[in-house]
């Protein structure tokens, strides 16, 4: 009897302790976000000040001595301020990580499960009451529709905040995944997925899809020039992925505390599904964007471009390492377009931090709409965009106009920048290379290689600026590391090799589905921009 009384009486203390820790983490997380924004603004202000001084010097409004003196002061001031902000950021992030481990332990306590069940019951009861209140208003059939609308608004204003509070309490008591477990999953799943896929590619897929004159499988020849280039590129990608993965996991596991109420499981599912599509050439950015919104793991559009790039960096590197098994594209064209895409991604990552979230939404919406059109025009069932000349394996060689390669390079700089803003590269890249006269099948190494090499550049900047969702990103990456080999084994090895089926129609159907998703995402984002802009203008008029 005494034990039971002790357990019951301890529940309020347990609840108070749990929510106290949770509130403290929220407060520190808010401060971390503010400092991250301050860091970005300091960097922008520093660059603008330098640019302004250079302009003054160029226009002879400032001599060399004054310019160097001001430049030195600016650099010293900026370095000192950034060092102070970064030191404080590191302290707060480590503090939050330590507090989060305490919360993880508390959530494993049986009392947390009891509280969760209680909050769930209260939530269900309150939701039923809310629905009943709405039904009662509608059944009254008020003559004036405005009165009915007003009554429903009052009910929503009464119940929705309470429902949100109950939902927040449920998430607070839900069992949390520890940073240690996230790290173990990451360092285990990604390397194993890469190893399995590479082995299947070299030992099964390549031999069975490259038959000799007698119809016998041909072993992968590592001594060929094309094979050497492919292996070197794959090795570079793997090294880049290891380095990137180290910094990514180190930052994400510490900062994932601020997203403890976002679902790690949902993020992993998003990664699995979207990179399954990506592996067969459909693309991942648009599906990821839609699934993030549908599953409620995104509430700040400004962090979406960074999340898309950071979360898909390693999966795309795995894809490229696997599919650039034999580089059939002319090497100067391949390297030129990859380098241009990398340059563009760095420019895009810098621009993403200068635009406010509202304008990023509009830019992404318009760019996605254009991408959707390009996907239709280059679709195998449409083929509205035809090659400019006979199909080639590159843009350098006899009979190929000299303007094609520079033009394609400029376009790939733009595509790289757009990718850092959250717009996928595959469809517009395919349209570009086909339009320039390159064979469609040869375009695949260009697309894969461009994405795989450009994404780490932009992603490092997003991580540096803390401008992404850490927990969501690492969840998507882990899920994607399963989605890539799953797609390769089921579609390329299973359907194409194992069953001898033509995968073209299968991929064509998926492409139409994703085109619909792209247009849905585009229209939704442009409409959200219009709706938010209209609301802000209305508020501005009220103030005036």
Protein backbone atom coordinates (compact mmCIF):
# COMPACT_ATOMS: atom_id res chain seq x y z
CA UNK A 1 0.00 0.00 0.00
CA UNK A 2 2.78 2.37 0.94
CA UNK A 3 4.62 1.50 -2.27
CA UNK A 4 1.58 2.32 -4.38
CA UNK A 5 1.10 5.63 -2.60
CA UNK A 6 4.74 6.45 -3.15
CA UNK A 7 4.45 5.66 -6.88
CA UNK A 8 1.33 7.77 -7.34
CA UNK A 9 2.69 10.69 -5.37
CA UNK A 10 5.94 10.59 -7.33
CA UNK A 11 4.17 10.98 -10.71
CA UNK A 12 3.59 14.75 -10.38
CA UNK A 13 7.25 15.19 -9.40
CA UNK A 14 8.32 13.03 -12.35
CA UNK A 15 6.10 15.00 -14.75
CA UNK A 16 7.41 18.28 -13.38
CA UNK A 17 11.02 17.11 -13.73
CA UNK A 18 10.54 15.82 -17.28
CA UNK A 19 8.80 18.97 -18.53
CA UNK A 20 11.32 21.16 -16.72
CA UNK A 21 14.18 19.51 -18.65
CA UNK A 22 12.16 19.77 -21.86
CA UNK A 23 11.45 23.48 -21.36
CA UNK A 24 15.11 24.17 -20.63
CA UNK A 25 16.15 22.40 -23.85
CA UNK A 26 13.60 24.48 -25.81
CA UNK A 27 14.99 27.71 -24.36
CA UNK A 28 18.60 26.78 -25.17
CA UNK A 29 17.59 25.57 -28.65
CA UNK A 30 15.92 28.93 -29.31
CA UNK A 31 19.12 30.69 -28.27
CA UNK A 32 21.18 28.39 -30.54
CA UNK A 33 18.95 29.23 -33.52
CA UNK A 34 19.29 32.94 -32.81
CA UNK A 35 23.09 32.69 -32.59
CA UNK A 36 23.18 30.71 -35.84
CA UNK A 37 21.18 33.45 -37.57
CA UNK A 38 23.51 36.06 -36.03
CA UNK A 39 26.55 34.18 -37.38
CA UNK A 40 25.11 34.25 -40.91
CA UNK A 41 24.22 37.95 -40.65
CA UNK A 42 27.73 38.80 -39.37
CA UNK A 43 29.29 36.99 -42.32
CA UNK A 44 26.98 38.77 -44.76
CA UNK A 45 27.67 42.17 -43.19
CA UNK A 46 31.43 41.53 -43.29
CA UNK A 47 31.35 40.63 -46.99
CA UNK A 48 29.19 43.67 -47.77
CA UNK A 49 31.56 46.00 -45.88
CA UNK A 50 34.56 44.60 -47.76
CA UNK A 51 32.73 44.97 -51.05
CA UNK A 52 31.80 48.56 -50.24
CA UNK A 53 35.40 49.46 -49.35
CA UNK A 54 36.68 47.86 -52.56
CA UNK A 55 34.17 49.94 -54.53
CA UNK A 56 35.36 53.11 -52.80
CA UNK A 57 38.97 52.23 -53.60
CA UNK A 58 38.11 51.44 -57.22
CA UNK A 59 36.35 54.81 -57.60
CA UNK A 60 39.39 56.60 -56.09
CA UNK A 61 37.37 57.64 -53.04
CA UNK A 62 39.80 55.77 -50.77
CA UNK A 63 43.56 55.41 -51.05
CA UNK A 64 45.48 52.13 -50.71
CA UNK A 65 46.69 52.85 -47.16
CA UNK A 66 43.21 53.64 -45.83
CA UNK A 67 41.77 50.61 -47.63
CA UNK A 68 44.30 48.21 -46.09
CA UNK A 69 43.81 49.81 -42.67
CA UNK A 70 40.01 49.47 -42.82
CA UNK A 71 40.31 45.96 -44.21
CA UNK A 72 42.54 44.93 -41.29
CA UNK A 73 40.11 46.41 -38.75
CA UNK A 74 37.14 44.70 -40.44
CA UNK A 75 38.88 41.31 -40.47
CA UNK A 76 40.00 41.60 -36.84
CA UNK A 77 36.55 42.72 -35.68
CA UNK A 78 34.78 40.03 -37.69
CA UNK A 79 37.16 37.27 -36.55
CA UNK A 80 36.77 38.28 -32.91
CA UNK A 81 32.95 38.43 -33.09
CA UNK A 82 32.68 35.11 -34.97
CA UNK A 83 35.04 33.39 -32.53
CA UNK A 84 32.93 34.62 -29.60
CA UNK A 85 29.66 33.47 -31.23
CA UNK A 86 31.09 30.06 -32.18
CA UNK A 87 32.46 29.52 -28.66
CA UNK A 88 29.06 30.31 -27.17
CA UNK A 89 27.33 28.11 -29.75
CA UNK A 90 29.56 25.15 -28.93
CA UNK A 91 28.92 25.57 -25.20
CA UNK A 92 25.14 25.73 -25.70
CA UNK A 93 25.09 22.77 -28.12
CA UNK A 94 27.13 20.63 -25.68
CA UNK A 95 24.90 21.76 -22.82
CA UNK A 96 21.78 20.77 -24.74
CA UNK A 97 23.30 17.41 -25.69
CA UNK A 98 24.00 16.65 -22.02
CA UNK A 99 20.47 17.68 -21.01
CA UNK A 100 19.01 15.55 -23.77
CA UNK A 101 20.73 12.40 -22.47
CA UNK A 102 19.00 13.03 -19.12
CA UNK A 103 15.67 13.34 -20.95
CA UNK A 104 16.34 10.07 -22.82
CA UNK A 105 16.87 8.31 -19.47
CA UNK A 106 13.71 9.84 -18.01
CA UNK A 107 11.65 8.78 -21.02
CA UNK A 108 12.75 5.17 -20.53
CA UNK A 109 11.15 5.24 -17.07
CA UNK A 110 7.77 3.38 -16.90
CA UNK A 111 6.17 6.55 -15.50
CA UNK A 112 6.80 8.25 -18.83
CA UNK A 113 4.73 5.58 -20.61
CA UNK A 114 1.91 6.06 -18.06
CA UNK A 115 1.94 9.81 -18.66
CA UNK A 116 1.96 9.32 -22.42
CA UNK A 117 -1.10 7.05 -22.24
CA UNK A 118 -2.88 9.59 -20.03
CA UNK A 119 -2.14 12.45 -22.45
CA UNK A 120 -3.24 10.34 -25.42
CA UNK A 121 -6.59 9.62 -23.75
CA UNK A 122 -7.03 13.31 -22.93
CA UNK A 123 -6.14 14.20 -26.53
CA UNK A 124 -8.68 11.75 -27.99
CA UNK A 125 -11.41 13.00 -25.62
CA UNK A 126 -10.67 16.65 -26.42
CA UNK A 127 -10.61 15.96 -30.17
CA UNK A 128 -14.00 14.21 -29.94
CA UNK A 129 -15.38 17.20 -28.05
CA UNK A 130 -13.99 19.54 -30.72
CA UNK A 131 -15.56 17.54 -33.58
CA UNK A 132 -18.88 17.37 -31.75
CA UNK A 133 -18.91 21.16 -31.25
CA UNK A 134 -18.34 21.68 -35.00
CA UNK A 135 -21.11 19.21 -35.88
CA UNK A 136 -23.57 20.93 -33.53
CA UNK A 137 -22.93 24.30 -35.19
CA UNK A 138 -23.45 22.84 -38.68
CA UNK A 139 -26.65 21.05 -37.59
CA UNK A 140 -28.14 24.34 -36.39
CA UNK A 141 -28.10 25.46 -40.04
CA UNK A 142 -27.74 29.13 -39.26
CA UNK A 143 -29.41 31.37 -41.85
CA UNK A 144 -26.42 33.64 -42.00
CA UNK A 145 -23.32 31.83 -43.25
CA UNK A 146 -21.12 34.48 -41.69
CA UNK A 147 -22.57 33.64 -38.27
CA UNK A 148 -21.83 29.95 -38.80
CA UNK A 149 -18.31 30.74 -39.96
CA UNK A 150 -17.80 32.99 -36.92
CA UNK A 151 -19.08 30.29 -34.54
CA UNK A 152 -16.76 27.67 -36.08
CA UNK A 153 -13.83 30.10 -35.77
CA UNK A 154 -14.58 30.57 -32.06
CA UNK A 155 -14.64 26.80 -31.54
CA UNK A 156 -11.32 26.43 -33.37
CA UNK A 157 -9.75 29.22 -31.32
CA UNK A 158 -10.88 27.45 -28.16
CA UNK A 159 -9.89 23.87 -29.00
CA UNK A 160 -6.95 23.97 -31.42
CA UNK A 161 -4.44 25.51 -28.95
CA UNK A 162 -5.50 22.92 -26.35
CA UNK A 163 -5.08 20.09 -28.86
CA UNK A 164 -1.64 21.41 -29.84
CA UNK A 165 -0.64 21.52 -26.16
CA UNK A 166 -1.82 17.91 -25.61
CA UNK A 167 0.00 16.76 -28.75
CA UNK A 168 3.17 18.47 -27.51
CA UNK A 169 2.87 16.66 -24.18
CA UNK A 170 2.50 13.31 -25.97
CA UNK A 171 5.67 14.01 -27.96
CA UNK A 172 7.49 15.05 -24.79
CA UNK A 173 6.74 11.71 -23.11
CA UNK A 174 7.42 9.64 -26.23
CA UNK A 175 10.55 7.48 -26.07
CA UNK A 176 13.54 9.29 -27.58
CA UNK A 177 16.34 7.92 -29.74
CA UNK A 178 19.78 8.66 -28.29
CA UNK A 179 22.61 10.35 -30.16
CA UNK A 180 24.74 7.24 -29.55
CA UNK A 181 22.20 4.97 -31.27
CA UNK A 182 21.88 7.40 -34.22
CA UNK A 183 25.68 7.33 -34.65
CA UNK A 184 25.80 3.51 -34.51
CA UNK A 185 23.04 3.23 -37.13
CA UNK A 186 24.80 5.71 -39.41
CA UNK A 187 28.31 4.21 -39.27
CA UNK A 188 26.87 0.70 -39.74
CA UNK A 189 24.15 1.00 -42.40
CA UNK A 190 25.80 3.38 -44.91
CA UNK A 191 29.12 1.45 -45.33
CA UNK A 192 27.38 -1.94 -45.45
CA UNK A 193 24.91 -0.66 -48.07
CA UNK A 194 27.76 0.69 -50.21
CA UNK A 195 29.78 -2.53 -49.95
CA UNK A 196 26.84 -4.79 -50.87
CA UNK A 197 25.80 -2.63 -53.82
CA UNK A 198 29.35 -2.37 -55.22
CA UNK A 199 29.89 -6.13 -54.96
CA UNK A 200 26.57 -6.87 -56.70
CA UNK A 201 27.38 -4.30 -59.38
CA UNK A 202 30.86 -5.59 -60.24
CA UNK A 203 30.21 -9.32 -59.74
CA UNK A 204 26.60 -9.71 -60.97
CA UNK A 205 25.03 -6.73 -62.74
CA UNK A 206 27.92 -5.66 -64.99
CA UNK A 207 28.83 -9.18 -66.24
CA UNK A 208 25.19 -10.08 -67.00
CA UNK A 209 24.48 -6.81 -68.85
CA UNK A 210 27.69 -6.89 -70.89
CA UNK A 211 27.69 -10.14 -72.88
CA UNK A 212 30.36 -11.25 -75.35
CA UNK A 213 29.73 -12.40 -78.93
CA UNK A 214 28.69 -15.86 -77.70
CA UNK A 215 26.21 -14.42 -75.20
CA UNK A 216 28.39 -15.18 -72.18
CA UNK A 217 28.80 -12.75 -69.24
CA UNK A 218 31.87 -10.48 -69.40
CA UNK A 219 33.87 -9.89 -66.25
CA UNK A 220 34.59 -6.27 -65.28
CA UNK A 221 37.98 -5.30 -66.74
CA UNK A 222 39.75 -3.05 -64.23
CA UNK A 223 42.68 -2.50 -66.63
CA UNK A 224 40.64 -0.55 -69.21
CA UNK A 225 41.04 3.25 -69.34
CA UNK A 226 37.31 3.83 -68.76
CA UNK A 227 37.33 1.41 -65.81
CA UNK A 228 40.36 3.07 -64.23
CA UNK A 229 38.68 6.49 -64.47
CA UNK A 230 35.47 5.03 -62.99
CA UNK A 231 37.29 3.37 -60.09
CA UNK A 232 39.29 6.56 -59.35
CA UNK A 233 36.10 8.68 -59.36
CA UNK A 234 34.34 6.12 -57.12
CA UNK A 235 37.30 6.11 -54.70
CA UNK A 236 37.32 9.92 -54.54
CA UNK A 237 33.58 9.92 -53.84
CA UNK A 238 33.98 7.38 -51.05
CA UNK A 239 36.76 9.42 -49.42
CA UNK A 240 34.68 12.61 -49.70
CA UNK A 241 31.70 10.78 -48.18
CA UNK A 242 33.77 9.55 -45.22
CA UNK A 243 35.08 13.07 -44.50
CA UNK A 244 31.65 14.62 -44.99
CA UNK A 245 29.99 11.90 -42.89
CA UNK A 246 32.33 12.61 -39.97
CA UNK A 247 31.50 16.34 -39.83
CA UNK A 248 27.81 15.68 -40.57
CA UNK A 249 27.33 13.12 -37.77
CA UNK A 250 29.34 15.16 -35.29
CA UNK A 251 27.21 18.24 -35.90
CA UNK A 252 23.85 16.49 -36.36
CA UNK A 253 24.00 14.29 -33.24
CA UNK A 254 24.80 17.29 -31.05
CA UNK A 255 22.17 19.55 -32.60
CA UNK A 256 19.40 16.96 -33.08
CA UNK A 257 18.30 17.80 -29.53
CA UNK A 258 16.37 20.80 -30.86
CA UNK A 259 14.38 18.41 -33.09
CA UNK A 260 13.71 15.74 -30.44
CA UNK A 261 9.96 15.98 -31.15
CA UNK A 262 10.42 15.39 -34.88
CA UNK A 263 10.05 11.74 -35.89
CA UNK A 264 13.31 9.96 -36.71
CA UNK A 265 11.32 7.00 -38.07
CA UNK A 266 9.32 9.18 -40.48
CA UNK A 267 12.54 10.81 -41.68
CA UNK A 268 14.08 7.39 -42.37
CA UNK A 269 10.98 6.34 -44.35
CA UNK A 270 11.23 9.54 -46.41
CA UNK A 271 14.86 8.72 -47.23
CA UNK A 272 14.12 5.11 -48.15
CA UNK A 273 11.28 6.03 -50.54
CA UNK A 274 12.83 9.10 -52.16
CA UNK A 275 16.27 7.61 -52.81
CA UNK A 276 14.67 4.46 -54.15
CA UNK A 277 13.23 6.79 -56.82
CA UNK A 278 16.52 8.65 -57.12
CA UNK A 279 18.49 5.47 -57.82
CA UNK A 280 16.38 4.65 -60.89
CA UNK A 281 16.80 8.19 -62.25
CA UNK A 282 13.56 9.79 -61.08
CA UNK A 283 15.09 12.30 -58.62
CA UNK A 284 14.70 12.79 -54.88
CA UNK A 285 14.35 16.50 -54.08
CA UNK A 286 10.71 17.05 -55.09
CA UNK A 287 9.42 13.80 -53.46
CA UNK A 288 11.41 14.59 -50.30
CA UNK A 289 9.96 18.09 -50.13
CA UNK A 290 6.38 16.80 -50.47
CA UNK A 291 6.87 13.95 -47.97
CA UNK A 292 8.50 16.27 -45.41
CA UNK A 293 5.46 18.55 -45.55
CA UNK A 294 2.96 15.67 -45.55
CA UNK A 295 4.62 13.92 -42.57
CA UNK A 296 5.02 17.11 -40.56
CA UNK A 297 8.80 17.09 -40.17
CA UNK A 298 9.28 20.54 -41.73
CA UNK A 299 8.09 23.79 -40.14
CA UNK A 300 10.73 26.25 -41.41
CA UNK A 301 10.99 26.53 -45.22
CA UNK A 302 14.34 28.31 -44.93
CA UNK A 303 15.96 25.10 -43.64
CA UNK A 304 14.51 22.93 -46.42
CA UNK A 305 17.21 23.59 -49.11
CA UNK A 306 19.97 22.73 -46.62
CA UNK A 307 18.12 19.61 -45.45
CA UNK A 308 17.59 18.37 -49.01
CA UNK A 309 21.27 18.76 -49.85
CA UNK A 310 22.78 17.53 -46.58
CA UNK A 311 20.51 14.49 -46.23
CA UNK A 312 21.02 13.24 -49.80
CA UNK A 313 24.78 13.88 -50.10
CA UNK A 314 25.96 10.43 -49.00
CA UNK A 315 23.19 8.41 -50.76
CA UNK A 316 23.90 10.20 -54.07
CA UNK A 317 27.63 9.49 -53.62
CA UNK A 318 26.75 5.79 -53.17
CA UNK A 319 24.64 5.92 -56.35
CA UNK A 320 27.42 7.58 -58.35
CA UNK A 321 30.09 5.19 -57.06
CA UNK A 322 27.93 2.28 -58.19
CA UNK A 323 26.66 3.55 -61.54
CA UNK A 324 29.87 5.10 -62.83
CA UNK A 325 31.09 1.53 -63.29
CA UNK A 326 32.16 2.27 -66.84
CA UNK A 327 32.34 5.93 -67.80
CA UNK A 328 31.11 6.09 -71.40
CA UNK A 329 31.20 9.88 -71.55
CA UNK A 330 34.06 11.92 -72.97
CA UNK A 331 36.30 12.81 -70.01
CA UNK A 332 36.73 16.59 -70.67
CA UNK A 333 32.96 17.04 -70.94
CA UNK A 334 32.36 15.00 -67.78
CA UNK A 335 34.92 16.84 -65.64
CA UNK A 336 34.01 20.31 -67.03
CA UNK A 337 30.30 19.93 -66.25
CA UNK A 338 30.98 18.41 -62.80
CA UNK A 339 33.31 21.29 -61.86
CA UNK A 340 30.77 23.88 -63.06
CA UNK A 341 27.98 22.24 -61.05
CA UNK A 342 30.22 22.28 -57.94
CA UNK A 343 30.95 26.01 -58.41
CA UNK A 344 27.24 26.69 -58.84
CA UNK A 345 26.32 24.77 -55.68
CA UNK A 346 28.67 26.92 -53.58
CA UNK A 347 27.12 30.09 -55.04
CA UNK A 348 23.63 28.72 -54.39
CA UNK A 349 24.41 27.78 -50.78
CA UNK A 350 25.61 31.35 -50.14
CA UNK A 351 22.49 32.82 -51.78
CA UNK A 352 20.17 30.55 -49.77
CA UNK A 353 21.23 32.32 -46.57
CA UNK A 354 20.55 35.78 -48.03
CA UNK A 355 16.97 35.16 -49.13
CA UNK A 356 14.19 35.20 -46.57
CA UNK A 357 12.05 32.09 -46.24
CA UNK A 358 9.11 33.63 -48.13
CA UNK A 359 11.11 34.38 -51.28
CA UNK A 360 12.87 31.00 -51.15
CA UNK A 361 9.41 29.43 -51.23
CA UNK A 362 8.50 31.41 -54.38
CA UNK A 363 11.84 30.67 -56.11
CA UNK A 364 11.55 26.96 -55.34
CA UNK A 365 7.92 26.89 -56.49
CA UNK A 366 8.71 28.52 -59.85
CA UNK A 367 11.86 26.43 -60.36
CA UNK A 368 9.95 23.21 -59.58
CA UNK A 369 7.26 24.17 -62.10
CA UNK A 370 9.94 24.69 -64.78
CA UNK A 371 11.55 21.38 -63.75
CA UNK A 372 8.18 19.65 -64.16
CA UNK A 373 7.84 21.01 -67.68
CA UNK A 374 11.40 19.90 -68.51
CA UNK A 375 10.63 16.42 -67.13
CA UNK A 376 7.60 16.17 -69.44
CA UNK A 377 9.55 17.41 -72.47
CA UNK A 378 12.38 14.91 -71.92
CA UNK A 379 10.12 11.98 -70.90
CA UNK A 380 10.50 8.86 -73.01
CA UNK A 381 6.78 8.92 -73.85
CA UNK A 382 6.99 12.52 -75.10
CA UNK A 383 10.56 13.24 -76.28
CA UNK A 384 9.68 16.81 -77.26
CA UNK A 385 13.30 17.91 -76.80
CA UNK A 386 15.47 16.44 -79.52
CA UNK A 387 19.25 16.39 -79.74
CA UNK A 388 20.96 19.21 -81.64
CA UNK A 389 22.80 16.92 -84.03
CA UNK A 390 23.69 13.23 -83.93
CA UNK A 391 24.10 11.57 -80.54
CA UNK A 392 27.66 11.81 -79.19
CA UNK A 393 29.46 10.79 -76.00
CA UNK A 394 30.59 14.35 -75.24
CA UNK A 395 30.89 17.96 -76.35
CA UNK A 396 34.52 17.87 -77.47
CA UNK A 397 35.67 16.35 -80.76
CA UNK A 398 35.63 16.63 -84.51
CA UNK A 399 32.49 18.13 -86.01
CA UNK A 400 31.12 19.37 -82.66
CA UNK A 401 30.53 23.17 -82.57
CA UNK A 402 32.88 24.98 -80.14
CA UNK A 403 30.05 26.90 -78.45
CA UNK A 404 28.32 23.81 -77.06
CA UNK A 405 30.69 23.01 -74.17
CA UNK A 406 30.91 26.61 -72.81
CA UNK A 407 27.12 26.94 -73.08
CA UNK A 408 26.57 23.66 -71.23
CA UNK A 409 29.10 24.74 -68.56
CA UNK A 410 27.19 28.00 -67.90
CA UNK A 411 23.92 26.07 -67.65
CA UNK A 412 25.46 23.60 -65.17
CA UNK A 413 26.66 26.49 -62.96
CA UNK A 414 23.02 27.65 -62.81
CA UNK A 415 21.74 24.10 -62.18
CA UNK A 416 24.29 23.63 -59.38
CA UNK A 417 23.11 26.89 -57.75
CA UNK A 418 19.46 25.85 -58.06
CA UNK A 419 20.24 22.51 -56.46
CA UNK A 420 21.60 24.30 -53.38
CA UNK A 421 18.27 26.16 -53.25
CA UNK A 422 16.45 22.82 -53.16
CA UNK A 423 15.69 22.17 -56.83
CA UNK A 424 16.73 18.78 -58.25
CA UNK A 425 19.36 18.60 -61.00
CA UNK A 426 18.43 15.37 -62.81
CA UNK A 427 15.58 16.51 -65.07
CA UNK A 428 17.08 19.84 -66.23
CA UNK A 429 20.53 18.22 -66.60
CA UNK A 430 19.05 15.45 -68.76
CA UNK A 431 17.24 18.06 -70.86
CA UNK A 432 20.45 20.08 -71.26
CA UNK A 433 22.71 17.22 -72.37
CA UNK A 434 20.09 15.81 -74.74
CA UNK A 435 19.51 19.27 -76.22
CA UNK A 436 23.26 19.66 -76.72
CA UNK A 437 23.42 16.45 -78.75
CA UNK A 438 24.70 13.94 -76.18
CA UNK A 439 23.15 10.47 -76.11
CA UNK A 440 20.56 10.13 -73.34
CA UNK A 441 22.19 6.98 -71.90
CA UNK A 442 25.57 8.75 -71.74
CA UNK A 443 23.95 11.57 -69.74
CA UNK A 444 23.60 9.38 -66.66
CA UNK A 445 27.27 9.56 -65.51
CA UNK A 446 27.15 13.35 -66.00
CA UNK A 447 24.04 13.75 -63.84
CA UNK A 448 25.20 11.35 -61.14
CA UNK A 449 28.74 12.69 -61.08
CA UNK A 450 27.60 16.33 -60.96
CA UNK A 451 25.25 15.72 -58.04
CA UNK A 452 27.69 13.52 -56.15
CA UNK A 453 30.57 16.02 -56.36
CA UNK A 454 28.59 19.26 -55.97
CA UNK A 455 26.45 18.28 -52.99
CA UNK A 456 29.26 18.00 -50.38
CA UNK A 457 30.46 21.52 -51.26
CA UNK A 458 27.08 23.15 -50.68
CA UNK A 459 26.24 20.82 -47.79
CA UNK A 460 29.41 21.72 -45.85
CA UNK A 461 28.31 25.36 -46.02
CA UNK A 462 24.79 24.52 -44.83
CA UNK A 463 26.28 22.57 -41.89
CA UNK A 464 28.66 25.43 -41.11
CA UNK A 465 25.76 27.90 -41.09
CA UNK A 466 23.51 25.51 -39.07
CA UNK A 467 20.95 26.04 -41.82
CA UNK A 468 19.36 22.56 -41.99
CA UNK A 469 17.35 20.07 -39.91
CA UNK A 470 20.03 17.85 -38.23
CA UNK A 471 17.86 14.99 -36.89
CA UNK A 472 15.61 14.89 -39.96
CA UNK A 473 18.67 14.97 -42.26
CA UNK A 474 20.47 12.10 -40.56
CA UNK A 475 17.22 10.09 -40.51
CA UNK A 476 16.75 10.63 -44.25
CA UNK A 477 20.40 9.68 -44.88
CA UNK A 478 20.09 6.40 -42.97
CA UNK A 479 16.82 5.53 -44.73
CA UNK A 480 18.33 6.50 -48.10
CA UNK A 481 21.31 4.22 -47.51
CA UNK A 482 18.79 1.35 -47.50
CA UNK A 483 16.73 2.75 -50.40
CA UNK A 484 19.69 2.90 -52.83
CA UNK A 485 20.71 -0.80 -52.67
CA UNK A 486 17.03 -1.82 -52.48
CA UNK A 487 16.28 -0.02 -55.76
CA UNK A 488 19.42 -1.34 -57.42
CA UNK A 489 18.73 -4.93 -56.37
CA UNK A 490 15.00 -4.93 -57.18
CA UNK A 491 14.86 -2.80 -60.34
CA UNK A 492 18.23 -3.16 -62.05
CA UNK A 493 19.30 -6.61 -60.87
CA UNK A 494 15.91 -8.16 -60.09
CA UNK A 495 13.65 -6.90 -62.88
CA UNK A 496 16.19 -6.29 -65.60
CA UNK A 497 18.61 -9.18 -65.05
CA UNK A 498 16.80 -11.70 -62.88
CA UNK A 499 13.40 -11.73 -64.61
CA UNK A 500 14.62 -10.39 -67.95
CA UNK A 501 11.99 -7.64 -67.88
CA UNK A 502 12.32 -4.26 -69.57
CA UNK A 503 12.61 -1.68 -66.81
CA UNK A 504 11.87 1.25 -69.18
CA UNK A 505 8.07 1.14 -68.83
CA UNK A 506 8.35 0.71 -65.06
CA UNK A 507 10.55 3.80 -64.75
CA UNK A 508 8.34 5.75 -67.19
CA UNK A 509 5.29 5.20 -64.97
CA UNK A 510 7.24 6.29 -61.89
CA UNK A 511 8.41 9.39 -63.74
CA UNK A 512 4.80 10.39 -64.51
CA UNK A 513 3.94 9.97 -60.82
CA UNK A 514 6.89 12.12 -59.77
CA UNK A 515 6.02 14.76 -62.41
CA UNK A 516 2.59 15.01 -60.77
CA UNK A 517 4.32 15.34 -57.37
CA UNK A 518 6.61 18.08 -58.74
CA UNK A 519 3.66 20.13 -60.01
CA UNK A 520 1.79 19.57 -56.75
CA UNK A 521 4.78 20.81 -54.74
CA UNK A 522 5.26 23.77 -57.10
CA UNK A 523 1.61 24.90 -56.97
CA UNK A 524 1.46 24.40 -53.20
CA UNK A 525 4.58 26.51 -52.57
CA UNK A 526 3.52 29.34 -54.90
CA UNK A 527 0.06 29.34 -53.30
CA UNK A 528 1.63 29.42 -49.81
CA UNK A 529 3.74 32.39 -50.92
CA UNK A 530 0.66 34.19 -52.25
CA UNK A 531 -1.36 33.42 -49.11
CA UNK A 532 1.42 34.52 -46.72
CA UNK A 533 2.19 37.64 -48.75
CA UNK A 534 -1.50 38.58 -48.79
CA UNK A 535 -1.71 38.09 -45.02
CA UNK A 536 1.38 40.26 -44.43
CA UNK A 537 0.01 43.01 -46.69
CA UNK A 538 -3.31 42.92 -44.81
CA UNK A 539 -1.49 43.21 -41.46
CA UNK A 540 0.54 46.11 -42.86
CA UNK A 541 -2.64 47.93 -43.91
CA UNK A 542 -4.14 47.41 -40.45
CA UNK A 543 -1.05 48.91 -38.81
CA UNK A 544 -1.15 51.92 -41.15
